[in-house]
Amino acid sequence: MPKRRLIVLQNDQAWNDYLIEAFNDTPSTPEIVTSAAAAPPLIRQGNPDVVFANPSLLTAPLTAALRMHRTSNADFRVFRLGFSSAASASIYPFDDSFNEIPPSLYDFQKQLAHHLPLPDPIRLLIVDDEPGVGEIFQDYFDHRTQPTFIVETAKNGVEAEVEIQKQPPHVLILDIKMPERDGRELYRELRRRETAPPTIVFFDLVSSDEVLEIRKWGSPAFVEKGSRSSAMPEMAALIKKLTYFG
């Protein structure tokens, strides 16, 4: 997926730091704008995909620029950050709103993904030498709707590369320690050829050196098996974010 352009119009450092961290596993790096005067040219000329905005910074020129961009791009999304008074709530028809305090990452990803223009179906490739891992994903995602999912599996990097060449998945869920060709080798080669899909490293008992080796080649999402983040609802929210933002 191509890199998306995100603009954050916010003078709250806590929110700005949070959003930079929330998208650090994607190539879509938020552009932080703290001055309302600087924002309208970015909206008019920069063709953003998503804007996060503090309603207190929405000036008339900025609101006009947002509305104009909406008319030319039906997939454009704008999310409110923080409280909006009743008088200002109608300034712009936000797609959704977040509270003044940043939520948990799972809640943020789930709420955000609900409003993104996602492909249907979303294709997943689960690469793991333990058959039960792929079965867990298939059991959960086979019955999802809006969007639907297609879940393919491979038991090592050799099989995975064949599947990726046939049809690249929207998201690759990759174990590290596998026979024949492990996840590090596959990810390194895909990144070298610039053909790596958005990737979740789904790991168990991986050393810090192995994580650092992977990070030399890219910034995939890391989810530890058995952790809270590995629960299927949390994985679904992360998958949707990566599908859209790359």
C-alpha atoms as a PDB file:
ATOM      1  CA  MET A   1       0.000   0.000   0.000  1.00  0.00           C
ATOM      2  CA  PRO A   2       1.233   3.550  -0.689  1.00  0.00           C
ATOM      3  CA  LYS A   3       2.231   5.878   2.077  1.00  0.00           C
ATOM      4  CA  ARG A   4      -0.677   7.967   3.323  1.00  0.00           C
ATOM      5  CA  ARG A   5      -0.387  11.630   4.150  1.00  0.00           C
ATOM      6  CA  LEU A   6      -1.432  12.490   7.709  1.00  0.00           C
ATOM      7  CA  ILE A   7      -1.671  16.024   9.026  1.00  0.00           C
ATOM      8  CA  VAL A   8      -2.053  16.671  12.753  1.00  0.00           C
ATOM      9  CA  LEU A   9      -3.309  20.131  13.676  1.00  0.00           C
ATOM     10  CA  GLN A  10      -2.686  20.105  17.404  1.00  0.00           C
ATOM     11  CA  ASN A  11      -0.748  22.151  19.960  1.00  0.00           C
ATOM     12  CA  ASP A  12      -0.991  19.501  22.684  1.00  0.00           C
ATOM     13  CA  GLN A  13       2.403  17.806  22.896  1.00  0.00           C
ATOM     14  CA  ALA A  14       0.948  14.691  24.554  1.00  0.00           C
ATOM     15  CA  TRP A  15      -1.348  14.081  21.578  1.00  0.00           C
ATOM     16  CA  ASN A  16       1.408  14.831  19.071  1.00  0.00           C
ATOM     17  CA  ASP A  17       3.824  12.391  20.714  1.00  0.00           C
ATOM     18  CA  TYR A  18       1.067   9.780  20.937  1.00  0.00           C
ATOM     19  CA  LEU A  19       0.203   9.981  17.224  1.00  0.00           C
ATOM     20  CA  ILE A  20       3.847   9.778  16.152  1.00  0.00           C
ATOM     21  CA  GLU A  21       4.181   6.610  18.246  1.00  0.00           C
ATOM     22  CA  ALA A  22       0.850   5.189  17.002  1.00  0.00           C
ATOM     23  CA  PHE A  23       2.017   5.278  13.379  1.00  0.00           C
ATOM     24  CA  ASN A  24       5.674   4.324  13.856  1.00  0.00           C
ATOM     25  CA  ASP A  25       4.971   0.838  12.444  1.00  0.00           C
ATOM     26  CA  THR A  26       3.790   2.359   9.152  1.00  0.00           C
ATOM     27  CA  PRO A  27       5.493   4.561   6.541  1.00  0.00           C
ATOM     28  CA  SER A  28       2.770   7.177   7.139  1.00  0.00           C
ATOM     29  CA  THR A  29       4.518   9.656   9.428  1.00  0.00           C
ATOM     30  CA  PRO A  30       2.240  12.368  10.875  1.00  0.00           C
ATOM     31  CA  GLU A  31       3.043  15.954   9.907  1.00  0.00           C
ATOM     32  CA  ILE A  32       2.601  18.044  13.037  1.00  0.00           C
ATOM     33  CA  VAL A  33       1.187  21.546  12.550  1.00  0.00           C
ATOM     34  CA  THR A  34       0.739  23.740  15.616  1.00  0.00           C
ATOM     35  CA  SER A  35      -0.376  26.904  13.842  1.00  0.00           C
ATOM     36  CA  ALA A  36      -3.805  27.173  12.260  1.00  0.00           C
ATOM     37  CA  ALA A  37      -2.464  29.767   9.816  1.00  0.00           C
ATOM     38  CA  ALA A  38      -0.020  27.251   8.325  1.00  0.00           C
ATOM     39  CA  ALA A  39      -2.625  24.534   7.775  1.00  0.00           C
ATOM     40  CA  PRO A  40      -4.858  25.732   4.875  1.00  0.00           C
ATOM     41  CA  PRO A  41      -2.068  25.620   2.231  1.00  0.00           C
ATOM     42  CA  LEU A  42      -1.196  22.075   3.339  1.00  0.00           C
ATOM     43  CA  ILE A  43      -4.809  21.017   2.922  1.00  0.00           C
ATOM     44  CA  ARG A  44      -5.268  22.731  -0.432  1.00  0.00           C
ATOM     45  CA  GLN A  45      -1.959  21.678  -1.979  1.00  0.00           C
ATOM     46  CA  GLY A  46      -0.838  18.601  -0.062  1.00  0.00           C
ATOM     47  CA  ASN A  47      -3.783  16.296  -0.802  1.00  0.00           C
ATOM     48  CA  PRO A  48      -3.883  14.694   2.691  1.00  0.00           C
ATOM     49  CA  ASP A  49      -5.670  11.413   3.313  1.00  0.00           C
ATOM     50  CA  VAL A  50      -6.337  11.942   7.029  1.00  0.00           C
ATOM     51  CA  VAL A  51      -6.358  14.996   9.271  1.00  0.00           C
ATOM     52  CA  PHE A  52      -6.460  15.006  13.069  1.00  0.00           C
ATOM     53  CA  ALA A  53      -7.523  18.421  14.359  1.00  0.00           C
ATOM     54  CA  ASN A  54      -8.004  20.233  17.626  1.00  0.00           C
ATOM     55  CA  PRO A  55     -11.332  22.072  17.132  1.00  0.00           C
ATOM     56  CA  SER A  56     -10.017  25.159  18.942  1.00  0.00           C
ATOM     57  CA  LEU A  57      -7.612  25.683  16.023  1.00  0.00           C
ATOM     58  CA  LEU A  58     -10.209  25.471  13.266  1.00  0.00           C
ATOM     59  CA  THR A  59     -10.271  28.893  11.669  1.00  0.00           C
ATOM     60  CA  ALA A  60     -12.673  29.890   8.902  1.00  0.00           C
ATOM     61  CA  PRO A  61     -10.004  29.532   6.155  1.00  0.00           C
ATOM     62  CA  LEU A  62      -8.993  26.119   7.482  1.00  0.00           C
ATOM     63  CA  THR A  63     -12.578  24.913   7.685  1.00  0.00           C
ATOM     64  CA  ALA A  64     -13.157  26.090   4.114  1.00  0.00           C
ATOM     65  CA  ALA A  65     -10.054  24.212   2.948  1.00  0.00           C
ATOM     66  CA  LEU A  66     -11.214  21.024   4.689  1.00  0.00           C
ATOM     67  CA  ARG A  67     -14.665  21.252   3.113  1.00  0.00           C
ATOM     68  CA  MET A  68     -13.238  21.876  -0.342  1.00  0.00           C
ATOM     69  CA  HIS A  69     -10.900  18.905  -0.050  1.00  0.00           C
ATOM     70  CA  ARG A  70     -13.808  16.721   1.062  1.00  0.00           C
ATOM     71  CA  THR A  71     -15.731  17.559  -2.107  1.00  0.00           C
ATOM     72  CA  SER A  72     -12.812  16.437  -4.288  1.00  0.00           C
ATOM     73  CA  ASN A  73     -11.868  13.332  -2.284  1.00  0.00           C
ATOM     74  CA  ALA A  74     -14.663  11.186  -0.886  1.00  0.00           C
ATOM     75  CA  ASP A  75     -12.118   9.060   1.026  1.00  0.00           C
ATOM     76  CA  PHE A  76     -10.745  12.039   2.945  1.00  0.00           C
ATOM     77  CA  ARG A  77     -11.162  11.632   6.715  1.00  0.00           C
ATOM     78  CA  VAL A  78     -11.020  14.210   9.523  1.00  0.00           C
ATOM     79  CA  PHE A  79     -10.919  13.280  13.206  1.00  0.00           C
ATOM     80  CA  ARG A  80     -11.399  15.645  16.105  1.00  0.00           C
ATOM     81  CA  LEU A  81      -8.892  15.622  18.958  1.00  0.00           C
ATOM     82  CA  GLY A  82     -10.283  16.890  22.236  1.00  0.00           C
ATOM     83  CA  PHE A  83     -13.374  18.616  23.501  1.00  0.00           C
ATOM     84  CA  SER A  84     -15.610  20.715  21.280  1.00  0.00           C
ATOM     85  CA  SER A  85     -18.265  23.041  22.649  1.00  0.00           C
ATOM     86  CA  ALA A  86     -21.830  22.824  21.430  1.00  0.00           C
ATOM     87  CA  ALA A  87     -21.319  26.052  19.526  1.00  0.00           C
ATOM     88  CA  SER A  88     -18.239  24.791  17.720  1.00  0.00           C
ATOM     89  CA  ALA A  89     -19.383  21.197  17.219  1.00  0.00           C
ATOM     90  CA  SER A  90     -21.047  22.097  13.921  1.00  0.00           C
ATOM     91  CA  ILE A  91     -18.010  23.915  12.495  1.00  0.00           C
ATOM     92  CA  TYR A  92     -16.969  20.821  10.594  1.00  0.00           C
ATOM     93  CA  PRO A  93     -18.611  17.375  10.188  1.00  0.00           C
ATOM     94  CA  PHE A  94     -15.874  15.234  11.756  1.00  0.00           C
ATOM     95  CA  ASP A  95     -15.831  11.540  10.912  1.00  0.00           C
ATOM     96  CA  ASP A  96     -15.281  10.752  14.586  1.00  0.00           C
ATOM     97  CA  SER A  97     -13.894  12.297  17.754  1.00  0.00           C
ATOM     98  CA  PHE A  98     -11.312  11.385  20.362  1.00  0.00           C
ATOM     99  CA  ASN A  99     -11.243  12.670  23.920  1.00  0.00           C
ATOM    100  CA  GLU A 100      -8.757  15.163  25.308  1.00  0.00           C
ATOM    101  CA  ILE A 101      -6.638  12.339  26.760  1.00  0.00           C
ATOM    102  CA  PRO A 102      -5.205   9.852  24.244  1.00  0.00           C
ATOM    103  CA  PRO A 103      -6.829   6.403  24.551  1.00  0.00           C
ATOM    104  CA  SER A 104      -5.177   3.000  24.647  1.00  0.00           C
ATOM    105  CA  LEU A 105      -3.555   2.046  21.358  1.00  0.00           C
ATOM    106  CA  TYR A 106      -6.118  -0.708  20.816  1.00  0.00           C
ATOM    107  CA  ASP A 107      -9.071   1.634  21.356  1.00  0.00           C
ATOM    108  CA  PHE A 108      -7.490   4.212  19.053  1.00  0.00           C
ATOM    109  CA  GLN A 109      -6.827   1.712  16.260  1.00  0.00           C
ATOM    110  CA  LYS A 110     -10.281   0.157  16.583  1.00  0.00           C
ATOM    111  CA  GLN A 111     -12.084   3.504  16.475  1.00  0.00           C
ATOM    112  CA  LEU A 112      -9.926   4.811  13.639  1.00  0.00           C
ATOM    113  CA  ALA A 113     -10.273   1.680  11.502  1.00  0.00           C
ATOM    114  CA  HIS A 114     -14.059   1.831  11.718  1.00  0.00           C
ATOM    115  CA  HIS A 115     -14.005   4.913   9.479  1.00  0.00           C
ATOM    116  CA  LEU A 116     -11.223   4.106   7.019  1.00  0.00           C
ATOM    117  CA  PRO A 117     -11.989   3.238   3.366  1.00  0.00           C
ATOM    118  CA  LEU A 118     -10.572  -0.279   3.487  1.00  0.00           C
ATOM    119  CA  PRO A 119     -10.398  -2.792   0.626  1.00  0.00           C
ATOM    120  CA  ASP A 120     -12.844  -5.665   0.681  1.00  0.00           C
ATOM    121  CA  PRO A 121     -11.646  -8.349   1.035  1.00  0.00           C
ATOM    122  CA  ILE A 122      -8.471  -7.811   3.040  1.00  0.00           C
ATOM    123  CA  ARG A 123      -5.938 -10.522   2.237  1.00  0.00           C
ATOM    124  CA  LEU A 124      -3.806 -11.925   5.062  1.00  0.00           C
ATOM    125  CA  LEU A 125      -0.854 -14.291   4.814  1.00  0.00           C
ATOM    126  CA  ILE A 126       0.028 -16.099   8.057  1.00  0.00           C
ATOM    127  CA  VAL A 127       3.562 -17.534   7.978  1.00  0.00           C
ATOM    128  CA  ASP A 128       4.178 -19.894  10.893  1.00  0.00           C
ATOM    129  CA  ASP A 129       5.395 -23.482  11.197  1.00  0.00           C
ATOM    130  CA  GLU A 130       2.804 -24.136  13.917  1.00  0.00           C
ATOM    131  CA  PRO A 131      -0.455 -25.064  12.088  1.00  0.00           C
ATOM    132  CA  GLY A 132      -2.543 -23.976  15.050  1.00  0.00           C
ATOM    133  CA  VAL A 133      -1.530 -20.347  14.603  1.00  0.00           C
ATOM    134  CA  GLY A 134      -2.970 -20.137  11.107  1.00  0.00           C
ATOM    135  CA  GLU A 135      -6.104 -21.955  12.250  1.00  0.00           C
ATOM    136  CA  ILE A 136      -6.708 -19.374  14.978  1.00  0.00           C
ATOM    137  CA  PHE A 137      -6.578 -16.561  12.422  1.00  0.00           C
ATOM    138  CA  GLN A 138      -8.801 -18.445   9.979  1.00  0.00           C
ATOM    139  CA  ASP A 139     -11.388 -19.269  12.647  1.00  0.00           C
ATOM    140  CA  TYR A 140     -11.631 -15.617  13.641  1.00  0.00           C
ATOM    141  CA  PHE A 141     -11.385 -13.802  10.314  1.00  0.00           C
ATOM    142  CA  ASP A 142     -13.278 -16.189   8.035  1.00  0.00           C
ATOM    143  CA  HIS A 143     -16.601 -14.882   9.356  1.00  0.00           C
ATOM    144  CA  ARG A 144     -15.770 -11.175   9.562  1.00  0.00           C
ATOM    145  CA  THR A 145     -17.733  -8.753   7.406  1.00  0.00           C
ATOM    146  CA  GLN A 146     -17.406  -5.106   6.393  1.00  0.00           C
ATOM    147  CA  PRO A 147     -14.735  -5.856   5.345  1.00  0.00           C
ATOM    148  CA  THR A 148     -14.356  -9.564   4.714  1.00  0.00           C
ATOM    149  CA  PHE A 149     -10.997 -11.342   4.916  1.00  0.00           C
ATOM    150  CA  ILE A 150      -9.144 -13.965   2.933  1.00  0.00           C
ATOM    151  CA  VAL A 151      -6.640 -15.832   5.116  1.00  0.00           C
ATOM    152  CA  GLU A 152      -3.832 -17.823   3.483  1.00  0.00           C
ATOM    153  CA  THR A 153      -1.122 -19.726   5.356  1.00  0.00           C
ATOM    154  CA  ALA A 154       2.468 -20.844   4.784  1.00  0.00           C
ATOM    155  CA  LYS A 155       4.700 -22.871   7.080  1.00  0.00           C
ATOM    156  CA  ASN A 156       8.023 -21.212   6.222  1.00  0.00           C
ATOM    157  CA  GLY A 157       9.630 -18.434   4.250  1.00  0.00           C
ATOM    158  CA  VAL A 158       9.980 -20.513   1.099  1.00  0.00           C
ATOM    159  CA  GLU A 159       6.245 -21.194   0.873  1.00  0.00           C
ATOM    160  CA  ALA A 160       5.473 -17.605   1.870  1.00  0.00           C
ATOM    161  CA  GLU A 161       7.504 -16.119  -0.958  1.00  0.00           C
ATOM    162  CA  VAL A 162       5.638 -18.273  -3.476  1.00  0.00           C
ATOM    163  CA  GLU A 163       2.326 -17.016  -2.116  1.00  0.00           C
ATOM    164  CA  ILE A 164       3.491 -13.404  -2.117  1.00  0.00           C
ATOM    165  CA  GLN A 165       4.627 -13.668  -5.733  1.00  0.00           C
ATOM    166  CA  LYS A 166       1.243 -15.109  -6.738  1.00  0.00           C
ATOM    167  CA  GLN A 167      -0.724 -12.366  -4.991  1.00  0.00           C
ATOM    168  CA  PRO A 168       0.743  -9.995  -2.401  1.00  0.00           C
ATOM    169  CA  PRO A 169      -1.295  -9.872   0.805  1.00  0.00           C
ATOM    170  CA  HIS A 170      -2.458  -6.627   2.322  1.00  0.00           C
ATOM    171  CA  VAL A 171      -0.769  -7.691   5.579  1.00  0.00           C
ATOM    172  CA  LEU A 172       1.910 -10.305   6.270  1.00  0.00           C
ATOM    173  CA  ILE A 173       1.876 -11.931   9.726  1.00  0.00           C
ATOM    174  CA  LEU A 174       5.306 -13.430  10.164  1.00  0.00           C
ATOM    175  CA  ASP A 175       6.828 -15.833  12.663  1.00  0.00           C
ATOM    176  CA  ILE A 176      10.590 -15.621  13.108  1.00  0.00           C
ATOM    177  CA  LYS A 177      11.923 -19.084  13.948  1.00  0.00           C
ATOM    178  CA  MET A 178      10.925 -21.517  11.204  1.00  0.00           C
ATOM    179  CA  PRO A 179      12.676 -24.332   9.308  1.00  0.00           C
ATOM    180  CA  GLU A 180      14.032 -23.994   5.754  1.00  0.00           C
ATOM    181  CA  ARG A 181      13.776 -20.204   5.714  1.00  0.00           C
ATOM    182  CA  ASP A 182      13.044 -18.157   8.792  1.00  0.00           C
ATOM    183  CA  GLY A 183      11.179 -14.891   9.105  1.00  0.00           C
ATOM    184  CA  ARG A 184      14.277 -12.727   9.318  1.00  0.00           C
ATOM    185  CA  GLU A 185      15.579 -13.995   5.987  1.00  0.00           C
ATOM    186  CA  LEU A 186      12.230 -13.570   4.268  1.00  0.00           C
ATOM    187  CA  TYR A 187      11.649 -10.062   5.617  1.00  0.00           C
ATOM    188  CA  ARG A 188      15.172  -8.963   4.736  1.00  0.00           C
ATOM    189  CA  GLU A 189      14.821 -10.200   1.168  1.00  0.00           C
ATOM    190  CA  LEU A 190      11.371  -8.649   0.693  1.00  0.00           C
ATOM    191  CA  ARG A 191      12.635  -5.318   1.992  1.00  0.00           C
ATOM    192  CA  ARG A 192      15.726  -5.506  -0.195  1.00  0.00           C
ATOM    193  CA  ARG A 193      13.510  -5.951  -3.252  1.00  0.00           C
ATOM    194  CA  GLU A 194      11.050  -3.332  -1.967  1.00  0.00           C
ATOM    195  CA  THR A 195       8.222  -5.860  -2.177  1.00  0.00           C
ATOM    196  CA  ALA A 196       7.482  -6.300   1.530  1.00  0.00           C
ATOM    197  CA  PRO A 197       3.805  -5.879   2.398  1.00  0.00           C
ATOM    198  CA  PRO A 198       2.882  -4.269   5.726  1.00  0.00           C
ATOM    199  CA  THR A 199       4.186  -6.758   8.262  1.00  0.00           C
ATOM    200  CA  ILE A 200       3.365  -7.902  11.786  1.00  0.00           C
ATOM    201  CA  VAL A 201       6.202  -9.869  13.384  1.00  0.00           C
ATOM    202  CA  PHE A 202       4.277 -12.401  15.489  1.00  0.00           C
ATOM    203  CA  PHE A 203       6.998 -13.660  17.766  1.00  0.00           C
ATOM    204  CA  ASP A 204       7.732 -15.948  20.670  1.00  0.00           C
ATOM    205  CA  LEU A 205      11.043 -16.163  22.546  1.00  0.00           C
ATOM    206  CA  VAL A 206      12.884 -13.750  20.279  1.00  0.00           C
ATOM    207  CA  SER A 207      16.067 -12.131  21.566  1.00  0.00           C
ATOM    208  CA  SER A 208      16.680  -8.389  21.557  1.00  0.00           C
ATOM    209  CA  ASP A 209      19.473  -8.933  19.014  1.00  0.00           C
ATOM    210  CA  GLU A 210      17.012 -10.613  16.644  1.00  0.00           C
ATOM    211  CA  VAL A 211      14.572  -7.706  17.023  1.00  0.00           C
ATOM    212  CA  LEU A 212      17.367  -5.212  16.318  1.00  0.00           C
ATOM    213  CA  GLU A 213      18.366  -7.213  13.229  1.00  0.00           C
ATOM    214  CA  ILE A 214      14.834  -6.984  11.854  1.00  0.00           C
ATOM    215  CA  ARG A 215      14.641  -3.264  12.639  1.00  0.00           C
ATOM    216  CA  LYS A 216      17.746  -2.694  10.498  1.00  0.00           C
ATOM    217  CA  TRP A 217      15.587  -3.533   7.495  1.00  0.00           C
ATOM    218  CA  GLY A 218      12.304  -1.847   8.392  1.00  0.00           C
ATOM    219  CA  SER A 219       9.797  -0.952  11.079  1.00  0.00           C
ATOM    220  CA  PRO A 220       7.229  -3.742  11.198  1.00  0.00           C
ATOM    221  CA  ALA A 221       4.734  -4.048  14.039  1.00  0.00           C
ATOM    222  CA  PHE A 222       5.834  -6.462  16.751  1.00  0.00           C
ATOM    223  CA  VAL A 223       3.261  -8.565  18.629  1.00  0.00           C
ATOM    224  CA  GLU A 224       4.264 -11.184  21.170  1.00  0.00           C
ATOM    225  CA  LYS A 225       2.324 -14.434  21.108  1.00  0.00           C
ATOM    226  CA  GLY A 226       0.230 -14.832  24.219  1.00  0.00           C
ATOM    227  CA  SER A 227       0.291 -11.126  25.062  1.00  0.00           C
ATOM    228  CA  ARG A 228      -2.792  -8.962  25.361  1.00  0.00           C
ATOM    229  CA  SER A 229      -1.993  -7.440  21.985  1.00  0.00           C
ATOM    230  CA  SER A 230      -2.179 -10.884  20.368  1.00  0.00           C
ATOM    231  CA  ALA A 231      -5.908 -11.287  21.088  1.00  0.00           C
ATOM    232  CA  MET A 232      -7.822 -11.412  17.823  1.00  0.00           C
ATOM    233  CA  PRO A 233      -9.826  -8.165  18.287  1.00  0.00           C
ATOM    234  CA  GLU A 234      -6.582  -6.299  18.942  1.00  0.00           C
ATOM    235  CA  MET A 235      -4.936  -7.978  15.967  1.00  0.00           C
ATOM    236  CA  ALA A 236      -7.892  -7.061  13.750  1.00  0.00           C
ATOM    237  CA  ALA A 237      -7.585  -3.383  14.676  1.00  0.00           C
ATOM    238  CA  LEU A 238      -3.844  -3.416  13.960  1.00  0.00           C
ATOM    239  CA  ILE A 239      -4.338  -5.258  10.667  1.00  0.00           C
ATOM    240  CA  LYS A 240      -6.863  -2.690   9.478  1.00  0.00           C
ATOM    241  CA  LYS A 241      -4.536   0.178  10.392  1.00  0.00           C
ATOM    242  CA  LEU A 242      -1.635  -1.408   8.510  1.00  0.00           C
ATOM    243  CA  THR A 243      -3.838  -2.231   5.514  1.00  0.00           C
ATOM    244  CA  TYR A 244      -4.688   1.415   5.046  1.00  0.00           C
ATOM    245  CA  PHE A 245      -1.555   3.228   6.224  1.00  0.00           C
ATOM    246  CA  GLY A 246       1.001   0.776   4.814  1.00  0.00           C
END
